[in-house]
C-alpha atoms as a PDB file:
ATOM      1  CA  MET A   1      69.622 107.364  68.087  1.00  0.00           C
ATOM      2  CA  MET A   2      72.652 106.406  69.469  1.00  0.00           C
ATOM      3  CA  GLY A   3      72.959 104.002  72.317  1.00  0.00           C
ATOM      4  CA  ARG A   4      73.304 105.421  75.837  1.00  0.00           C
ATOM      5  CA  GLY A   5      75.706 104.194  78.556  1.00  0.00           C
ATOM      6  CA  GLY A   6      77.989 101.319  78.073  1.00  0.00           C
ATOM      7  CA  LYS A   7      81.619 100.428  77.792  1.00  0.00           C
ATOM      8  CA  ARG A   8      83.825 103.071  75.390  1.00  0.00           C
ATOM      9  CA  PRO A   9      87.113 102.956  74.577  1.00  0.00           C
ATOM     10  CA  GLY A  10      89.550 105.139  77.094  1.00  0.00           C
ATOM     11  CA  ALA A  11      86.544 105.762  79.440  1.00  0.00           C
ATOM     12  CA  GLY A  12      87.089 105.270  83.068  1.00  0.00           C
ATOM     13  CA  ARG A  13      89.753 106.038  85.870  1.00  0.00           C
ATOM     14  CA  LYS A  14      93.141 105.740  84.636  1.00  0.00           C
ATOM     15  CA  LEU A  15      95.470 103.246  86.395  1.00  0.00           C
ATOM     16  CA  PHE A  16      98.580 104.835  88.711  1.00  0.00           C
ATOM     17  CA  ALA A  17     101.699 103.408  87.497  1.00  0.00           C
ATOM     18  CA  ASP A  18     100.326 100.818  85.809  1.00  0.00           C
ATOM     19  CA  ALA A  19      99.233  99.344  88.724  1.00  0.00           C
ATOM     20  CA  PRO A  20      95.887  98.806  90.094  1.00  0.00           C
ATOM     21  CA  ARG A  21      95.276 100.526  93.324  1.00  0.00           C
ATOM     22  CA  VAL A  22      92.916  98.866  96.442  1.00  0.00           C
ATOM     23  CA  ALA A  23      90.906 100.403  98.680  1.00  0.00           C
ATOM     24  CA  ILE A  24      91.593  99.672 102.684  1.00  0.00           C
ATOM     25  CA  SER A  25      90.180 100.790 105.853  1.00  0.00           C
ATOM     26  CA  ALA A  26      92.418 101.113 109.045  1.00  0.00           C
ATOM     27  CA  ARG A  27      91.614 102.646 112.596  1.00  0.00           C
ATOM     28  CA  VAL A  28      94.538 104.977 113.495  1.00  0.00           C
ATOM     29  CA  SER A  29      95.361 106.845 116.444  1.00  0.00           C
ATOM     30  CA  GLN A  30      94.420 110.406 116.461  1.00  0.00           C
ATOM     31  CA  GLU A  31      98.017 111.221 116.122  1.00  0.00           C
ATOM     32  CA  THR A  32      98.745 109.181 113.225  1.00  0.00           C
ATOM     33  CA  LYS A  33      95.642 110.952 111.174  1.00  0.00           C
ATOM     34  CA  ALA A  34      97.150 113.985 112.016  1.00  0.00           C
ATOM     35  CA  THR A  35     100.546 113.271 110.256  1.00  0.00           C
ATOM     36  CA  LEU A  36      98.875 111.655 107.369  1.00  0.00           C
ATOM     37  CA  LEU A  37      96.552 114.842 107.001  1.00  0.00           C
ATOM     38  CA  GLU A  38     100.326 116.873 107.448  1.00  0.00           C
ATOM     39  CA  LEU A  39     101.706 115.055 104.659  1.00  0.00           C
ATOM     40  CA  ARG A  40      98.693 115.289 102.721  1.00  0.00           C
ATOM     41  CA  SER A  41      98.785 118.959 102.942  1.00  0.00           C
ATOM     42  CA  LYS A  42     102.714 118.453 101.206  1.00  0.00           C
ATOM     43  CA  GLY A  43     101.278 116.544  98.631  1.00  0.00           C
ATOM     44  CA  LEU A  44     101.729 113.167  99.336  1.00  0.00           C
ATOM     45  CA  SER A  45      98.247 110.915  99.787  1.00  0.00           C
ATOM     46  CA  THR A  46      98.063 108.368 102.403  1.00  0.00           C
ATOM     47  CA  GLY A  47      98.037 105.609  99.862  1.00  0.00           C
ATOM     48  CA  GLN A  48     101.989 106.776  99.306  1.00  0.00           C
ATOM     49  CA  VAL A  49     102.694 106.999 102.543  1.00  0.00           C
ATOM     50  CA  LEU A  50     101.867 103.446 103.497  1.00  0.00           C
ATOM     51  CA  ASP A  51     102.961 102.030 100.684  1.00  0.00           C
ATOM     52  CA  GLN A  52     106.244 103.564 101.589  1.00  0.00           C
ATOM     53  CA  ALA A  53     106.124 102.892 105.123  1.00  0.00           C
ATOM     54  CA  VAL A  54     105.630  98.994 104.388  1.00  0.00           C
ATOM     55  CA  ALA A  55     108.227  98.841 101.843  1.00  0.00           C
ATOM     56  CA  ASP A  56     110.537 100.155 104.237  1.00  0.00           C
ATOM     57  CA  TYR A  57     108.974  97.906 107.020  1.00  0.00           C
ATOM     58  CA  VAL A  58     109.363  94.740 105.186  1.00  0.00           C
ATOM     59  CA  SER A  59     112.824  95.878 104.344  1.00  0.00           C
ATOM     60  CA  ARG A  60     114.408  96.612 107.801  1.00  0.00           C
ATOM     61  CA  ILE A  61     112.676  92.673 108.774  1.00  0.00           C
ATOM     62  CA  ARG A  62     114.390  91.285 106.045  1.00  0.00           C
ATOM     63  CA  GLU A  63     118.014  93.307 106.923  1.00  0.00           C
ATOM     64  CA  ASN A  64     117.361  91.300 110.446  1.00  0.00           C
ATOM     65  CA  ASP A  65     116.125  88.036 109.181  1.00  0.00           C
ATOM     66  CA  ILE A  66     113.342  88.683 112.065  1.00  0.00           C
END
């Protein structure tokens, strides 16, 4: 009889772009939530929006030496 469960080669969720993703929880305004839902309907995930927003914010800070 073959065993059940356990590790199997190739099993499990695949990493996105070879980088592990992590879950976060945040409280945002209703307006921000509505915007995130609108962007999701256009094919962008909340994670993609946050990654880009943080990258843009950090870039602006570095340009202004804040």
